[in-house]
């Protein structure tokens, strides 16, 4: 048989990708790890750390060089989120929302004027947030109560948004409201809202189980005036912006979950080599070895699923079902691996002095935000059954 060229393995990184991933992980180890416990307790990310993330170049990974960004790929964003989440998934999701939701939506749907105005800011120091969810429209993302009424040369937004990640830190928000309720979801429109717009305010901050340093807040829209030039995409086409951006965002959550699981597994392997019981390290017991081997296998499978979805997206190929699969599997895998890490630490795993307790709390949200596990199953089934 004649030997032919073959494609590299999904986990084979180019030199540029490998250097980027390693530099982000080294930064996370050096600058973030010492702050993890304090940030979790105080439920806050220091602004100085956010500024460092901008300096590192991870807040505008796909923003073109000409606009001050890194000009890199979506896959680079996935690698960055994974590397950060090994140390702290709260920082991972801050960077994830910035890149896979806010920047991505602007790159795809923004006008040249909007890109010039907002991508520059998002690469230079402004945090972004993505405001779709409401009290009555979580999984039913298009049952929005927020309204947009035309007023002269712009719109007035009225309503309340809930569960908005990055809300406390953000200066730029993509807000969804219905400009024509009689048309149902075909009235939904996306707007670029700045923190300083009249009638806009950030409300109650949630006190959460996990990813506590990442802010999750309500947004209040009280006759918030938005210029017509700040409509993202077309009036009445916001549902397309929401759906297609969230498909990419789910790959980002997959990256967060595999990073979290890798961090938990690293802690577990290290601890089982050190912990002595019955005269030898517990890593020498076959029962422990089998549990670690199964966790490593599930993590490897999840990483392949996430990388495959990201590679498909960068290649311009369909990735809807792959995004749903990687988000579903990686989030459930992360909870299992983090739970195993707590078990292997024994009593120490249940106290805040050791890192796996936090990772276990952080893992739960992966099955909830950016589409619950049941919604991912529904997406997969619809694609299978036509």
Protein backbone atom coordinates (compact mmCIF):
# COMPACT_ATOMS: atom_id res chain seq x y z
CA UNK A 1 0.00 0.00 0.00
CA UNK A 2 1.17 3.51 -0.78
CA UNK A 3 1.60 5.69 2.27
CA UNK A 4 -0.49 8.85 2.16
CA UNK A 5 -0.51 11.98 4.25
CA UNK A 6 -2.81 11.77 7.23
CA UNK A 7 -4.42 14.47 9.31
CA UNK A 8 -2.87 15.07 12.74
CA UNK A 9 -4.61 13.87 15.87
CA UNK A 10 -7.17 16.29 17.32
CA UNK A 11 -4.95 16.77 20.37
CA UNK A 12 -1.87 17.57 18.26
CA UNK A 13 -1.31 21.31 18.58
CA UNK A 14 0.62 23.57 16.26
CA UNK A 15 3.65 25.27 17.78
CA UNK A 16 1.68 28.52 18.03
CA UNK A 17 -1.24 26.79 19.76
CA UNK A 18 1.03 24.96 22.18
CA UNK A 19 2.97 28.11 23.11
CA UNK A 20 -0.27 30.00 23.65
CA UNK A 21 -1.79 27.28 25.85
CA UNK A 22 1.39 26.91 27.90
CA UNK A 23 1.80 30.65 28.41
CA UNK A 24 -1.80 30.96 29.63
CA UNK A 25 -1.42 28.02 32.01
CA UNK A 26 1.86 29.38 33.37
CA UNK A 27 0.16 32.74 33.96
CA UNK A 28 -2.73 31.00 35.73
CA UNK A 29 -0.36 29.06 37.98
CA UNK A 30 1.69 32.13 38.82
CA UNK A 31 -0.89 34.90 39.08
CA UNK A 32 -4.30 33.28 39.65
CA UNK A 33 -3.65 30.25 41.85
CA UNK A 34 -2.56 32.29 44.90
CA UNK A 35 -5.83 34.27 44.69
CA UNK A 36 -8.32 31.43 44.12
CA UNK A 37 -9.44 30.86 47.69
CA UNK A 38 -9.75 34.57 48.48
CA UNK A 39 -11.71 35.28 45.28
CA UNK A 40 -14.08 32.42 46.07
CA UNK A 41 -14.64 33.65 49.62
CA UNK A 42 -15.15 37.28 48.60
CA UNK A 43 -17.08 36.40 45.43
CA UNK A 44 -15.08 38.90 43.45
CA UNK A 45 -12.33 39.09 40.83
CA UNK A 46 -9.84 41.92 41.55
CA UNK A 47 -9.77 44.53 38.80
CA UNK A 48 -5.97 44.28 38.79
CA UNK A 49 -6.24 40.63 37.73
CA UNK A 50 -8.70 41.50 34.95
CA UNK A 51 -6.21 44.12 33.73
CA UNK A 52 -3.53 41.42 33.64
CA UNK A 53 -5.80 39.22 31.52
CA UNK A 54 -6.09 42.05 29.00
CA UNK A 55 -2.31 42.50 29.02
CA UNK A 56 -1.91 38.75 28.42
CA UNK A 57 -4.12 39.07 25.31
CA UNK A 58 -6.80 36.54 26.31
CA UNK A 59 -9.70 39.00 26.38
CA UNK A 60 -9.67 39.65 22.64
CA UNK A 61 -8.33 36.43 21.19
CA UNK A 62 -10.23 36.58 17.89
CA UNK A 63 -10.30 40.37 17.63
CA UNK A 64 -8.26 41.32 14.53
CA UNK A 65 -4.77 42.72 15.00
CA UNK A 66 -5.87 45.96 13.35
CA UNK A 67 -8.39 46.48 16.16
CA UNK A 68 -5.93 45.74 18.94
CA UNK A 69 -6.68 42.04 19.44
CA UNK A 70 -4.64 38.87 19.09
CA UNK A 71 -6.02 37.97 15.66
CA UNK A 72 -6.05 34.28 16.63
CA UNK A 73 -8.59 31.48 16.11
CA UNK A 74 -11.63 30.22 17.98
CA UNK A 75 -9.55 27.15 18.85
CA UNK A 76 -7.06 29.43 20.60
CA UNK A 77 -9.95 30.76 22.70
CA UNK A 78 -10.89 27.19 23.63
CA UNK A 79 -7.30 26.44 24.66
CA UNK A 80 -7.17 29.62 26.74
CA UNK A 81 -10.42 28.86 28.58
CA UNK A 82 -9.27 25.29 29.25
CA UNK A 83 -5.88 26.42 30.59
CA UNK A 84 -7.40 29.04 32.92
CA UNK A 85 -10.11 26.68 34.17
CA UNK A 86 -7.53 24.13 35.34
CA UNK A 87 -6.69 26.70 38.01
CA UNK A 88 -9.97 28.60 38.46
CA UNK A 89 -13.15 28.03 36.40
CA UNK A 90 -14.40 31.47 37.52
CA UNK A 91 -11.65 33.12 35.50
CA UNK A 92 -12.25 30.59 32.74
CA UNK A 93 -15.87 31.68 32.33
CA UNK A 94 -15.00 35.39 32.46
CA UNK A 95 -12.71 34.88 29.47
CA UNK A 96 -15.11 32.45 27.81
CA UNK A 97 -18.10 34.82 27.77
CA UNK A 98 -15.87 37.66 26.54
CA UNK A 99 -14.58 35.65 23.59
CA UNK A 100 -17.05 32.96 22.56
CA UNK A 101 -20.20 35.02 23.09
CA UNK A 102 -19.59 38.79 23.01
CA UNK A 103 -16.63 39.06 20.62
CA UNK A 104 -17.98 36.27 18.43
CA UNK A 105 -21.38 37.94 18.08
CA UNK A 106 -19.76 41.22 17.07
CA UNK A 107 -17.42 39.54 14.59
CA UNK A 108 -20.30 37.79 12.88
CA UNK A 109 -23.17 40.25 13.16
CA UNK A 110 -21.59 43.64 13.83
CA UNK A 111 -21.41 46.45 11.27
CA UNK A 112 -17.98 47.85 10.45
CA UNK A 113 -18.77 50.84 12.65
CA UNK A 114 -19.79 48.60 15.56
CA UNK A 115 -16.69 46.44 15.19
CA UNK A 116 -14.48 49.51 15.12
CA UNK A 117 -16.15 51.02 18.18
CA UNK A 118 -16.63 47.97 20.37
CA UNK A 119 -14.04 45.35 19.42
CA UNK A 120 -11.30 47.89 20.12
CA UNK A 121 -12.71 48.42 23.59
CA UNK A 122 -13.19 44.70 24.23
CA UNK A 123 -9.54 44.06 23.35
CA UNK A 124 -8.20 47.02 25.31
CA UNK A 125 -9.89 46.91 28.71
CA UNK A 126 -13.68 46.67 28.52
CA UNK A 127 -15.38 43.50 29.74
CA UNK A 128 -18.44 42.28 27.82
CA UNK A 129 -21.62 40.47 28.92
CA UNK A 130 -24.37 38.63 27.08
CA UNK A 131 -27.90 39.32 28.34
CA UNK A 132 -30.49 36.84 27.07
CA UNK A 133 -31.98 35.09 30.14
CA UNK A 134 -34.95 36.38 32.12
CA UNK A 135 -36.98 35.19 35.09
CA UNK A 136 -39.56 33.55 32.81
CA UNK A 137 -37.29 32.59 29.92
CA UNK A 138 -34.42 30.37 30.90
CA UNK A 139 -34.56 27.23 28.79
CA UNK A 140 -37.38 28.88 26.81
CA UNK A 141 -34.89 31.47 25.62
CA UNK A 142 -37.29 33.15 23.23
CA UNK A 143 -40.12 33.77 25.70
CA UNK A 144 -38.73 37.23 26.39
CA UNK A 145 -40.66 39.79 28.39
CA UNK A 146 -38.14 42.58 27.73
CA UNK A 147 -39.51 45.03 25.17
CA UNK A 148 -37.93 47.41 22.67
CA UNK A 149 -40.03 50.33 21.44
CA UNK A 150 -38.97 52.60 18.57
CA UNK A 151 -38.40 56.16 19.74
CA UNK A 152 -37.17 58.68 17.16
CA UNK A 153 -33.67 57.71 16.04
CA UNK A 154 -33.43 54.76 18.40
CA UNK A 155 -35.17 52.37 20.77
CA UNK A 156 -36.30 52.34 24.37
CA UNK A 157 -35.69 49.07 26.22
CA UNK A 158 -37.82 48.03 29.18
CA UNK A 159 -37.49 44.87 31.23
CA UNK A 160 -35.31 42.83 33.55
CA UNK A 161 -32.56 40.34 32.75
CA UNK A 162 -31.35 37.61 35.11
CA UNK A 163 -28.30 35.33 35.51
CA UNK A 164 -26.01 37.62 33.50
CA UNK A 165 -22.39 36.49 33.73
CA UNK A 166 -19.73 39.25 33.94
CA UNK A 167 -22.44 41.84 34.71
CA UNK A 168 -20.58 43.48 37.61
CA UNK A 169 -17.40 43.94 35.59
CA UNK A 170 -18.86 44.63 32.14
CA UNK A 171 -19.00 47.93 30.30
CA UNK A 172 -20.59 46.53 27.12
CA UNK A 173 -23.70 44.33 27.06
CA UNK A 174 -25.44 42.49 24.24
CA UNK A 175 -29.07 42.73 25.33
CA UNK A 176 -31.98 40.91 23.70
CA UNK A 177 -35.49 42.39 23.69
CA UNK A 178 -38.61 41.97 21.57
CA UNK A 179 -39.31 44.88 19.24
CA UNK A 180 -42.49 43.28 17.84
CA UNK A 181 -44.17 40.98 20.39
CA UNK A 182 -46.97 40.19 17.95
CA UNK A 183 -44.44 38.47 15.70
CA UNK A 184 -43.28 36.15 18.50
CA UNK A 185 -39.64 35.21 18.35
CA UNK A 186 -39.31 37.02 15.01
CA UNK A 187 -39.52 40.30 16.90
CA UNK A 188 -36.46 39.58 19.04
CA UNK A 189 -33.64 42.05 18.43
CA UNK A 190 -30.09 42.29 19.78
CA UNK A 191 -28.81 45.63 21.06
CA UNK A 192 -25.37 46.87 22.07
CA UNK A 193 -25.86 48.62 25.41
CA UNK A 194 -23.18 50.51 27.29
CA UNK A 195 -23.15 50.66 31.07
CA UNK A 196 -23.56 54.43 31.03
CA UNK A 197 -26.71 54.53 28.88
CA UNK A 198 -29.62 56.32 30.63
CA UNK A 199 -32.12 53.88 32.09
CA UNK A 200 -29.63 50.99 32.35
CA UNK A 201 -28.40 49.63 35.67
CA UNK A 202 -26.91 46.48 37.18
CA UNK A 203 -29.06 45.10 39.99
CA UNK A 204 -28.87 42.25 42.50
CA UNK A 205 -25.73 40.08 42.48
CA UNK A 206 -26.43 36.38 43.07
CA UNK A 207 -24.79 34.48 45.95
CA UNK A 208 -23.89 31.23 44.19
CA UNK A 209 -22.87 27.66 44.98
CA UNK A 210 -19.87 27.67 42.63
CA UNK A 211 -17.84 29.88 40.27
CA UNK A 212 -18.41 32.44 43.00
CA UNK A 213 -15.76 34.93 41.88
CA UNK A 214 -17.55 35.24 38.54
CA UNK A 215 -20.33 37.80 38.92
CA UNK A 216 -23.91 36.82 38.05
CA UNK A 217 -26.38 39.70 38.27
CA UNK A 218 -29.71 41.05 37.16
CA UNK A 219 -29.92 43.94 34.70
CA UNK A 220 -32.61 46.60 34.94
CA UNK A 221 -33.87 48.35 31.79
CA UNK A 222 -36.02 51.33 32.69
CA UNK A 223 -36.74 53.20 29.46
CA UNK A 224 -33.13 52.60 28.48
CA UNK A 225 -32.35 54.65 25.38
CA UNK A 226 -30.31 52.83 22.72
CA UNK A 227 -29.31 54.47 19.41
CA UNK A 228 -30.46 52.76 16.22
CA UNK A 229 -26.78 52.41 15.28
CA UNK A 230 -26.47 49.98 18.21
CA UNK A 231 -28.84 47.35 16.81
CA UNK A 232 -26.66 44.25 16.37
CA UNK A 233 -27.62 42.53 13.13
CA UNK A 234 -31.14 43.31 11.91
CA UNK A 235 -34.28 44.27 13.78
CA UNK A 236 -36.27 41.07 14.30
CA UNK A 237 -33.27 38.80 13.64
CA UNK A 238 -31.98 38.67 17.19
CA UNK A 239 -33.09 35.06 17.55
CA UNK A 240 -30.48 34.11 14.92
CA UNK A 241 -27.80 36.05 16.77
CA UNK A 242 -28.76 34.26 19.99
CA UNK A 243 -28.96 30.72 18.61
CA UNK A 244 -25.82 30.80 16.51
CA UNK A 245 -23.71 32.54 19.12
CA UNK A 246 -24.79 30.11 21.85
CA UNK A 247 -23.76 27.18 19.66
CA UNK A 248 -20.21 28.51 19.81
CA UNK A 249 -20.53 29.40 23.47
CA UNK A 250 -21.34 25.79 24.32
CA UNK A 251 -17.96 24.74 23.00
CA UNK A 252 -16.45 27.31 25.36
CA UNK A 253 -18.31 25.78 28.30
CA UNK A 254 -16.99 22.40 27.19
CA UNK A 255 -13.48 23.88 27.38
CA UNK A 256 -14.17 25.22 30.86
CA UNK A 257 -15.36 21.80 32.01
CA UNK A 258 -12.39 19.85 30.64
CA UNK A 259 -10.05 22.37 32.24
CA UNK A 260 -11.86 22.00 35.57
CA UNK A 261 -11.74 18.20 35.33
CA UNK A 262 -8.03 18.25 34.49
CA UNK A 263 -7.35 20.41 37.52
CA UNK A 264 -9.34 18.08 39.78
CA UNK A 265 -7.64 14.99 38.37
CA UNK A 266 -4.18 16.57 38.77
CA UNK A 267 -4.92 17.23 42.44
CA UNK A 268 -6.26 13.68 42.92
CA UNK A 269 -3.26 11.97 41.31
CA UNK A 270 -0.82 14.06 43.34
CA UNK A 271 -2.66 13.40 46.60
CA UNK A 272 -3.03 9.65 46.10
CA UNK A 273 0.73 9.37 45.61
CA UNK A 274 1.34 11.17 48.89
CA UNK A 275 -1.44 9.82 51.14
CA UNK A 276 -0.32 6.75 53.10
CA UNK A 277 -2.76 4.13 54.35
CA UNK A 278 -2.01 0.57 55.49
CA UNK A 279 1.70 1.24 55.03
CA UNK A 280 1.71 2.44 51.41
CA UNK A 281 0.43 5.27 49.16
CA UNK A 282 -3.24 4.84 48.31
CA UNK A 283 -2.28 5.14 44.62
CA UNK A 284 -0.89 1.62 44.91
CA UNK A 285 -4.32 0.16 45.61
CA UNK A 286 -5.92 -1.28 42.51
CA UNK A 287 -9.34 0.14 43.38
CA UNK A 288 -7.90 3.67 43.38
CA UNK A 289 -5.97 3.02 40.17
CA UNK A 290 -9.11 1.88 38.37
CA UNK A 291 -11.03 4.99 39.43
CA UNK A 292 -8.24 7.28 38.26
CA UNK A 293 -7.95 5.40 34.96
CA UNK A 294 -11.67 5.70 34.28
CA UNK A 295 -11.61 9.43 35.08
CA UNK A 296 -8.64 9.97 32.75
CA UNK A 297 -10.43 8.06 29.99
CA UNK A 298 -13.61 10.12 30.29
CA UNK A 299 -11.60 13.35 30.36
CA UNK A 300 -9.70 12.32 27.23
CA UNK A 301 -12.94 11.54 25.42
CA UNK A 302 -14.43 14.90 26.46
CA UNK A 303 -11.33 16.77 25.28
CA UNK A 304 -11.57 15.07 21.88
CA UNK A 305 -15.22 16.11 21.62
CA UNK A 306 -14.47 19.74 22.54
CA UNK A 307 -11.46 20.03 20.25
CA UNK A 308 -13.36 18.42 17.38
CA UNK A 309 -16.25 20.88 17.70
CA UNK A 310 -13.83 23.82 17.84
CA UNK A 311 -11.85 22.60 14.83
CA UNK A 312 -15.07 22.16 12.85
CA UNK A 313 -16.14 25.68 13.72
CA UNK A 314 -12.81 27.15 12.58
CA UNK A 315 -13.00 25.12 9.36
CA UNK A 316 -16.40 26.61 8.57
CA UNK A 317 -18.10 23.22 8.75
CA UNK A 318 -21.39 22.39 10.53
CA UNK A 319 -20.85 21.86 14.25
CA UNK A 320 -24.31 22.13 15.88
CA UNK A 321 -24.58 18.53 17.04
CA UNK A 322 -20.90 18.36 17.98
CA UNK A 323 -21.24 21.49 20.13
CA UNK A 324 -24.24 20.04 21.95
CA UNK A 325 -22.50 16.70 22.46
CA UNK A 326 -19.29 18.20 23.79
CA UNK A 327 -21.14 20.48 26.20
CA UNK A 328 -23.38 17.65 27.44
CA UNK A 329 -20.61 15.10 27.91
CA UNK A 330 -17.90 17.39 29.28
CA UNK A 331 -20.17 18.97 31.90
CA UNK A 332 -21.39 15.63 33.23
CA UNK A 333 -17.85 14.23 33.10
CA UNK A 334 -16.50 17.20 35.06
CA UNK A 335 -18.95 16.64 37.90
CA UNK A 336 -17.99 12.95 38.08
CA UNK A 337 -14.25 13.65 38.07
CA UNK A 338 -14.51 16.44 40.64
CA UNK A 339 -16.66 14.19 42.85
CA UNK A 340 -14.07 11.42 42.58
CA UNK A 341 -11.34 13.87 43.58
CA UNK A 342 -13.31 14.80 46.72
CA UNK A 343 -13.75 11.10 47.53
CA UNK A 344 -10.07 10.33 47.09
CA UNK A 345 -9.11 13.22 49.38
CA UNK A 346 -11.39 11.72 52.03
CA UNK A 347 -12.26 14.10 54.85
CA UNK A 348 -9.81 16.66 53.49
CA UNK A 349 -11.80 16.79 50.26
CA UNK A 350 -14.78 18.15 52.16
CA UNK A 351 -13.06 21.20 53.62
CA UNK A 352 -12.16 24.51 52.03
CA UNK A 353 -8.48 24.22 52.97
CA UNK A 354 -8.05 21.84 50.03
CA UNK A 355 -8.80 22.76 46.40
CA UNK A 356 -11.07 19.94 45.25
CA UNK A 357 -14.06 21.06 47.33
CA UNK A 358 -14.25 24.25 45.29
CA UNK A 359 -13.86 22.48 41.95
CA UNK A 360 -16.72 20.16 42.88
CA UNK A 361 -18.96 23.18 43.55
CA UNK A 362 -17.79 24.86 40.36
CA UNK A 363 -18.59 21.83 38.21
CA UNK A 364 -22.36 21.83 38.78
CA UNK A 365 -23.10 24.92 36.71
CA UNK A 366 -21.78 23.24 33.54
CA UNK A 367 -25.00 21.22 33.25
CA UNK A 368 -27.16 24.34 33.63
CA UNK A 369 -25.92 27.46 31.87
CA UNK A 370 -25.81 28.09 28.11
CA UNK A 371 -28.40 25.35 27.69
CA UNK A 372 -29.18 22.63 30.23
CA UNK A 373 -28.20 19.01 29.62
CA UNK A 374 -31.80 18.24 28.63
CA UNK A 375 -31.68 20.97 25.99
CA UNK A 376 -28.47 19.51 24.59
CA UNK A 377 -30.13 16.08 24.44
CA UNK A 378 -33.08 17.64 22.64
CA UNK A 379 -30.77 19.29 20.10
CA UNK A 380 -28.90 16.05 19.46
CA UNK A 381 -32.12 14.04 19.11
CA UNK A 382 -33.64 16.55 16.67
CA UNK A 383 -30.57 16.39 14.47
CA UNK A 384 -30.60 12.58 14.57
CA UNK A 385 -34.31 12.24 13.82
CA UNK A 386 -34.61 15.07 11.33
